[in-house]
Amino acid sequence: MDRFSQEKHYDEKLVKAVADRYKDIIENVGEDVSREGLLKTPERASKAMHFLTHGYEMDPAEILRSALFHEDHNEMVIIKDIEMYSLCEHHMLPFFGKAHVAYIPNGKIVGLSKIPRIVDVFSRRLQVQERLTVQIKDVIDEVLEPLGVAVVVEAQHLCMMMRGVQKQNSSTTTSSFSGEFEKQTTRMEFMQLLRSDLR
């Protein structure tokens, strides 16, 4: 269990060190850090950054291993629309969206809540969307040894929306497939199920 899921616990020495650097940044952009509204901003920003990158402190493989079950089921398991928030490592601006994950069991299944948790582990790091997508697939492949894994991530990037090309309606889709999902028929079934509303 990661420590941020139960309580807001921070390493005060680390918080102060990062807060001091945020204070320098605020001063260097021309603001007055002694202004009332900014007095506690360096500390708040430090704690926010600590939370947004706490995925480094978690082991995604161990999370999956904590809820493995032997089961003969060998049909596709899909978890759609997993909310995802991360920080682009190039500009340290947020990107956010949804991850869709599927696997075909090969004698082992995992508790359904563990899939969103590993999405969180990898997204709560400095990332690029392409790597994030592959990391999710690879850890499921490693731990579950399934017949195949499929991961699709759809996200909007503030580094494209707030700066640079400033394209407000752009989005990015990345995918990674292994095993049975490398076959066109299996991949198409997965993509059709993503687009369908079975409720």
C-alpha atoms as a PDB file:
ATOM      1  CA  MET A   1       0.000   0.000   0.000  1.00  0.00           C
ATOM      2  CA  ASP A   2       1.519   3.347  -0.965  1.00  0.00           C
ATOM      3  CA  ARG A   3       1.737   5.863   1.830  1.00  0.00           C
ATOM      4  CA  PHE A   4      -0.147   8.578  -0.052  1.00  0.00           C
ATOM      5  CA  SER A   5      -3.306   6.472  -0.305  1.00  0.00           C
ATOM      6  CA  GLN A   6      -3.979   6.596   3.430  1.00  0.00           C
ATOM      7  CA  GLU A   7      -2.507   9.850   4.696  1.00  0.00           C
ATOM      8  CA  LYS A   8      -0.652  12.912   3.549  1.00  0.00           C
ATOM      9  CA  HIS A   9       2.773  12.111   4.921  1.00  0.00           C
ATOM     10  CA  TYR A  10       5.776  14.012   3.632  1.00  0.00           C
ATOM     11  CA  ASP A  11       9.496  14.004   4.293  1.00  0.00           C
ATOM     12  CA  GLU A  12       9.809  17.466   5.842  1.00  0.00           C
ATOM     13  CA  LYS A  13      13.512  17.770   4.989  1.00  0.00           C
ATOM     14  CA  LEU A  14      12.783  17.028   1.336  1.00  0.00           C
ATOM     15  CA  VAL A  15       9.755  19.355   1.347  1.00  0.00           C
ATOM     16  CA  LYS A  16      11.910  22.231   2.611  1.00  0.00           C
ATOM     17  CA  ALA A  17      14.694  21.579   0.095  1.00  0.00           C
ATOM     18  CA  VAL A  18      12.281  21.606  -2.856  1.00  0.00           C
ATOM     19  CA  ALA A  19      10.320  24.554  -1.404  1.00  0.00           C
ATOM     20  CA  ASP A  20      13.526  26.620  -1.274  1.00  0.00           C
ATOM     21  CA  ARG A  21      14.019  26.008  -4.986  1.00  0.00           C
ATOM     22  CA  TYR A  22      10.435  26.955  -5.755  1.00  0.00           C
ATOM     23  CA  LYS A  23      11.001  30.151  -3.794  1.00  0.00           C
ATOM     24  CA  ASP A  24      13.970  30.949  -6.051  1.00  0.00           C
ATOM     25  CA  ILE A  25      11.890  30.256  -9.158  1.00  0.00           C
ATOM     26  CA  ILE A  26       9.076  32.537  -7.987  1.00  0.00           C
ATOM     27  CA  GLU A  27      11.553  35.329  -7.287  1.00  0.00           C
ATOM     28  CA  ASN A  28      13.287  34.824 -10.635  1.00  0.00           C
ATOM     29  CA  VAL A  29      10.047  35.212 -12.588  1.00  0.00           C
ATOM     30  CA  GLY A  30       9.592  38.611 -10.951  1.00  0.00           C
ATOM     31  CA  GLU A  31       7.200  37.923  -8.079  1.00  0.00           C
ATOM     32  CA  ASP A  32       7.433  38.937  -4.450  1.00  0.00           C
ATOM     33  CA  VAL A  33       7.574  35.765  -2.352  1.00  0.00           C
ATOM     34  CA  SER A  34       6.772  37.773   0.760  1.00  0.00           C
ATOM     35  CA  ARG A  35       3.386  38.752  -0.664  1.00  0.00           C
ATOM     36  CA  GLU A  36       0.520  37.324   1.399  1.00  0.00           C
ATOM     37  CA  GLY A  37      -0.820  35.064  -1.331  1.00  0.00           C
ATOM     38  CA  LEU A  38       2.617  33.554  -1.987  1.00  0.00           C
ATOM     39  CA  LEU A  39       3.903  33.074   1.552  1.00  0.00           C
ATOM     40  CA  LYS A  40       3.080  29.368   1.649  1.00  0.00           C
ATOM     41  CA  THR A  41       3.216  28.712  -2.093  1.00  0.00           C
ATOM     42  CA  PRO A  42       6.753  27.232  -2.158  1.00  0.00           C
ATOM     43  CA  GLU A  43       5.804  24.663   0.490  1.00  0.00           C
ATOM     44  CA  ARG A  44       2.491  23.860  -1.201  1.00  0.00           C
ATOM     45  CA  ALA A  45       4.196  23.480  -4.577  1.00  0.00           C
ATOM     46  CA  SER A  46       6.829  21.218  -3.039  1.00  0.00           C
ATOM     47  CA  LYS A  47       4.192  18.949  -1.495  1.00  0.00           C
ATOM     48  CA  ALA A  48       2.233  18.916  -4.753  1.00  0.00           C
ATOM     49  CA  MET A  49       5.322  17.851  -6.701  1.00  0.00           C
ATOM     50  CA  HIS A  50       6.046  15.164  -4.121  1.00  0.00           C
ATOM     51  CA  PHE A  51       2.523  13.793  -4.529  1.00  0.00           C
ATOM     52  CA  LEU A  52       2.538  14.033  -8.328  1.00  0.00           C
ATOM     53  CA  THR A  53       5.747  11.986  -8.534  1.00  0.00           C
ATOM     54  CA  HIS A  54       5.141   9.459  -5.754  1.00  0.00           C
ATOM     55  CA  GLY A  55       5.012   6.657  -8.309  1.00  0.00           C
ATOM     56  CA  TYR A  56       8.785   6.382  -7.971  1.00  0.00           C
ATOM     57  CA  GLU A  57       8.266   5.014  -4.461  1.00  0.00           C
ATOM     58  CA  MET A  58       5.944   2.193  -5.560  1.00  0.00           C
ATOM     59  CA  ASP A  59       6.626  -1.193  -7.156  1.00  0.00           C
ATOM     60  CA  PRO A  60       4.009  -1.960  -9.842  1.00  0.00           C
ATOM     61  CA  ALA A  61       5.015  -5.615 -10.114  1.00  0.00           C
ATOM     62  CA  GLU A  62       4.514  -6.095  -6.374  1.00  0.00           C
ATOM     63  CA  ILE A  63       1.084  -4.448  -6.610  1.00  0.00           C
ATOM     64  CA  LEU A  64       0.044  -7.016  -9.229  1.00  0.00           C
ATOM     65  CA  ARG A  65       1.542  -9.931  -7.301  1.00  0.00           C
ATOM     66  CA  SER A  66      -0.435  -8.935  -4.209  1.00  0.00           C
ATOM     67  CA  ALA A  67      -3.724  -9.974  -5.858  1.00  0.00           C
ATOM     68  CA  LEU A  68      -2.973 -12.838  -8.245  1.00  0.00           C
ATOM     69  CA  PHE A  69      -5.451 -15.695  -8.503  1.00  0.00           C
ATOM     70  CA  HIS A  70      -5.311 -18.959 -10.420  1.00  0.00           C
ATOM     71  CA  GLU A  71      -8.262 -19.174 -12.770  1.00  0.00           C
ATOM     72  CA  ASP A  72      -9.020 -21.086 -15.975  1.00  0.00           C
ATOM     73  CA  HIS A  73     -10.666 -18.063 -17.632  1.00  0.00           C
ATOM     74  CA  ASN A  74      -8.996 -17.384 -20.976  1.00  0.00           C
ATOM     75  CA  GLU A  75     -11.196 -14.728 -22.562  1.00  0.00           C
ATOM     76  CA  MET A  76     -10.340 -11.066 -22.882  1.00  0.00           C
ATOM     77  CA  VAL A  77     -10.479  -8.913 -19.736  1.00  0.00           C
ATOM     78  CA  ILE A  78     -10.800  -5.170 -20.398  1.00  0.00           C
ATOM     79  CA  ILE A  79     -10.659  -2.249 -17.988  1.00  0.00           C
ATOM     80  CA  LYS A  80     -11.723   0.885 -19.862  1.00  0.00           C
ATOM     81  CA  ASP A  81     -11.624   4.593 -19.125  1.00  0.00           C
ATOM     82  CA  ILE A  82      -9.029   4.554 -16.339  1.00  0.00           C
ATOM     83  CA  GLU A  83      -8.416   8.203 -15.418  1.00  0.00           C
ATOM     84  CA  MET A  84      -4.775   9.136 -15.793  1.00  0.00           C
ATOM     85  CA  TYR A  85      -2.812  12.245 -14.755  1.00  0.00           C
ATOM     86  CA  SER A  86       0.892  12.684 -15.346  1.00  0.00           C
ATOM     87  CA  LEU A  87       3.650  15.246 -15.859  1.00  0.00           C
ATOM     88  CA  CYS A  88       5.448  15.646 -19.171  1.00  0.00           C
ATOM     89  CA  GLU A  89       9.157  15.260 -18.496  1.00  0.00           C
ATOM     90  CA  HIS A  90      10.079  17.830 -21.152  1.00  0.00           C
ATOM     91  CA  HIS A  91       8.239  20.830 -19.681  1.00  0.00           C
ATOM     92  CA  MET A  92       6.903  19.441 -16.387  1.00  0.00           C
ATOM     93  CA  LEU A  93       3.384  20.399 -17.423  1.00  0.00           C
ATOM     94  CA  PRO A  94       0.451  18.021 -16.939  1.00  0.00           C
ATOM     95  CA  PHE A  95      -0.953  15.629 -19.463  1.00  0.00           C
ATOM     96  CA  PHE A  96      -4.129  13.773 -18.649  1.00  0.00           C
ATOM     97  CA  GLY A  97      -6.683  11.453 -20.136  1.00  0.00           C
ATOM     98  CA  LYS A  98      -7.709   7.806 -20.061  1.00  0.00           C
ATOM     99  CA  ALA A  99      -5.995   4.452 -20.263  1.00  0.00           C
ATOM    100  CA  HIS A 100      -7.660   1.323 -21.612  1.00  0.00           C
ATOM    101  CA  VAL A 101      -6.061  -1.992 -20.642  1.00  0.00           C
ATOM    102  CA  ALA A 102      -6.847  -5.551 -21.717  1.00  0.00           C
ATOM    103  CA  TYR A 103      -5.237  -8.917 -21.192  1.00  0.00           C
ATOM    104  CA  ILE A 104      -6.043 -12.520 -22.029  1.00  0.00           C
ATOM    105  CA  PRO A 105      -5.380 -14.720 -18.975  1.00  0.00           C
ATOM    106  CA  ASN A 106      -3.200 -17.797 -19.178  1.00  0.00           C
ATOM    107  CA  GLY A 107      -4.045 -19.475 -15.877  1.00  0.00           C
ATOM    108  CA  LYS A 108      -3.778 -16.312 -13.740  1.00  0.00           C
ATOM    109  CA  ILE A 109      -6.004 -13.292 -13.250  1.00  0.00           C
ATOM    110  CA  VAL A 110      -5.445 -10.191 -11.122  1.00  0.00           C
ATOM    111  CA  GLY A 111      -7.795  -8.220  -8.883  1.00  0.00           C
ATOM    112  CA  LEU A 112      -9.410  -5.627 -11.123  1.00  0.00           C
ATOM    113  CA  SER A 113      -8.447  -2.651  -8.943  1.00  0.00           C
ATOM    114  CA  LYS A 114      -4.752  -3.449  -9.422  1.00  0.00           C
ATOM    115  CA  ILE A 115      -4.792  -2.458 -13.089  1.00  0.00           C
ATOM    116  CA  PRO A 116      -5.792   1.162 -12.370  1.00  0.00           C
ATOM    117  CA  ARG A 117      -3.234   1.193  -9.564  1.00  0.00           C
ATOM    118  CA  ILE A 118      -0.363   0.337 -11.878  1.00  0.00           C
ATOM    119  CA  VAL A 119      -1.579   3.007 -14.291  1.00  0.00           C
ATOM    120  CA  ASP A 120      -1.274   5.429 -11.349  1.00  0.00           C
ATOM    121  CA  VAL A 121       2.201   4.162 -10.429  1.00  0.00           C
ATOM    122  CA  PHE A 122       3.627   4.837 -13.861  1.00  0.00           C
ATOM    123  CA  SER A 123       1.703   8.067 -14.466  1.00  0.00           C
ATOM    124  CA  ARG A 124       2.804   9.558 -11.119  1.00  0.00           C
ATOM    125  CA  ARG A 125       6.318  10.008 -12.499  1.00  0.00           C
ATOM    126  CA  LEU A 126       7.925  12.370 -14.986  1.00  0.00           C
ATOM    127  CA  GLN A 127       6.805  10.737 -18.209  1.00  0.00           C
ATOM    128  CA  VAL A 128       6.262  10.691 -21.909  1.00  0.00           C
ATOM    129  CA  GLN A 129       3.027   9.100 -23.063  1.00  0.00           C
ATOM    130  CA  GLU A 130       4.787   6.628 -25.329  1.00  0.00           C
ATOM    131  CA  ARG A 131       6.891   5.182 -22.489  1.00  0.00           C
ATOM    132  CA  LEU A 132       3.962   5.167 -20.075  1.00  0.00           C
ATOM    133  CA  THR A 133       1.930   3.020 -22.477  1.00  0.00           C
ATOM    134  CA  VAL A 134       4.697   0.455 -22.904  1.00  0.00           C
ATOM    135  CA  GLN A 135       5.519   0.295 -19.182  1.00  0.00           C
ATOM    136  CA  ILE A 136       1.926  -0.602 -18.312  1.00  0.00           C
ATOM    137  CA  LYS A 137       1.928  -3.378 -20.907  1.00  0.00           C
ATOM    138  CA  ASP A 138       5.354  -4.722 -19.921  1.00  0.00           C
ATOM    139  CA  VAL A 139       4.635  -5.124 -16.200  1.00  0.00           C
ATOM    140  CA  ILE A 140       1.380  -6.999 -16.901  1.00  0.00           C
ATOM    141  CA  ASP A 141       3.253  -9.247 -19.328  1.00  0.00           C
ATOM    142  CA  GLU A 142       6.003  -9.858 -16.777  1.00  0.00           C
ATOM    143  CA  VAL A 143       3.822 -10.686 -13.771  1.00  0.00           C
ATOM    144  CA  LEU A 144       0.708 -12.334 -15.230  1.00  0.00           C
ATOM    145  CA  GLU A 145       2.402 -14.064 -18.202  1.00  0.00           C
ATOM    146  CA  PRO A 146      -0.880 -13.769 -20.131  1.00  0.00           C
ATOM    147  CA  LEU A 147      -1.613 -14.783 -23.695  1.00  0.00           C
ATOM    148  CA  GLY A 148      -1.495 -11.112 -24.622  1.00  0.00           C
ATOM    149  CA  VAL A 149      -1.775  -7.536 -23.383  1.00  0.00           C
ATOM    150  CA  ALA A 150      -3.207  -4.419 -25.024  1.00  0.00           C
ATOM    151  CA  VAL A 151      -2.856  -0.859 -23.746  1.00  0.00           C
ATOM    152  CA  VAL A 152      -4.259   2.301 -25.337  1.00  0.00           C
ATOM    153  CA  VAL A 153      -3.738   5.732 -23.775  1.00  0.00           C
ATOM    154  CA  GLU A 154      -5.579   8.860 -24.916  1.00  0.00           C
ATOM    155  CA  ALA A 155      -4.375  12.158 -23.466  1.00  0.00           C
ATOM    156  CA  GLN A 156      -4.295  15.918 -23.794  1.00  0.00           C
ATOM    157  CA  HIS A 157      -0.999  17.677 -23.161  1.00  0.00           C
ATOM    158  CA  LEU A 158      -0.858  21.140 -21.625  1.00  0.00           C
ATOM    159  CA  CYS A 159       2.614  21.604 -23.109  1.00  0.00           C
ATOM    160  CA  MET A 160       0.829  21.710 -26.494  1.00  0.00           C
ATOM    161  CA  MET A 161      -2.226  23.616 -25.262  1.00  0.00           C
ATOM    162  CA  MET A 162      -0.770  26.329 -22.996  1.00  0.00           C
ATOM    163  CA  ARG A 163       2.532  26.946 -24.803  1.00  0.00           C
ATOM    164  CA  GLY A 164       4.287  26.051 -28.041  1.00  0.00           C
ATOM    165  CA  VAL A 165       1.765  25.419 -30.818  1.00  0.00           C
ATOM    166  CA  GLN A 166      -1.161  26.223 -28.468  1.00  0.00           C
ATOM    167  CA  LYS A 167      -3.583  23.777 -30.080  1.00  0.00           C
ATOM    168  CA  GLN A 168      -6.489  23.555 -27.643  1.00  0.00           C
ATOM    169  CA  ASN A 169      -8.350  20.635 -29.179  1.00  0.00           C
ATOM    170  CA  SER A 170      -5.473  18.295 -29.935  1.00  0.00           C
ATOM    171  CA  SER A 171      -5.146  14.896 -28.303  1.00  0.00           C
ATOM    172  CA  THR A 172      -2.625  12.075 -28.531  1.00  0.00           C
ATOM    173  CA  THR A 173      -3.311   8.339 -28.706  1.00  0.00           C
ATOM    174  CA  THR A 174      -0.628   5.721 -28.083  1.00  0.00           C
ATOM    175  CA  SER A 175      -0.900   1.944 -28.079  1.00  0.00           C
ATOM    176  CA  SER A 176       1.167  -1.098 -27.246  1.00  0.00           C
ATOM    177  CA  PHE A 177       0.284  -4.747 -27.920  1.00  0.00           C
ATOM    178  CA  SER A 178       1.787  -8.135 -27.185  1.00  0.00           C
ATOM    179  CA  GLY A 179       0.976 -11.795 -27.783  1.00  0.00           C
ATOM    180  CA  GLU A 180      -2.497 -12.499 -29.129  1.00  0.00           C
ATOM    181  CA  PHE A 181      -3.165  -8.785 -29.530  1.00  0.00           C
ATOM    182  CA  GLU A 182      -0.556  -8.639 -32.262  1.00  0.00           C
ATOM    183  CA  LYS A 183      -3.033 -10.595 -34.373  1.00  0.00           C
ATOM    184  CA  GLN A 184      -5.320  -8.341 -36.388  1.00  0.00           C
ATOM    185  CA  THR A 185      -8.545 -10.152 -35.424  1.00  0.00           C
ATOM    186  CA  THR A 186      -7.884  -9.984 -31.665  1.00  0.00           C
ATOM    187  CA  ARG A 187      -6.782  -6.370 -31.868  1.00  0.00           C
ATOM    188  CA  MET A 188      -9.901  -5.420 -33.828  1.00  0.00           C
ATOM    189  CA  GLU A 189     -12.128  -7.135 -31.246  1.00  0.00           C
ATOM    190  CA  PHE A 190     -10.425  -5.120 -28.511  1.00  0.00           C
ATOM    191  CA  MET A 191     -10.785  -1.833 -30.407  1.00  0.00           C
ATOM    192  CA  GLN A 192     -14.469  -2.533 -31.147  1.00  0.00           C
ATOM    193  CA  LEU A 193     -15.146  -3.232 -27.472  1.00  0.00           C
ATOM    194  CA  LEU A 194     -13.430   0.037 -26.541  1.00  0.00           C
ATOM    195  CA  ARG A 195     -15.765   1.932 -28.821  1.00  0.00           C
ATOM    196  CA  SER A 196     -18.909   0.113 -27.698  1.00  0.00           C
ATOM    197  CA  ASP A 197     -21.210   1.048 -24.844  1.00  0.00           C
ATOM    198  CA  LEU A 198     -22.425  -2.180 -23.304  1.00  0.00           C
ATOM    199  CA  ARG A 199     -24.403  -0.580 -20.473  1.00  0.00           C
END
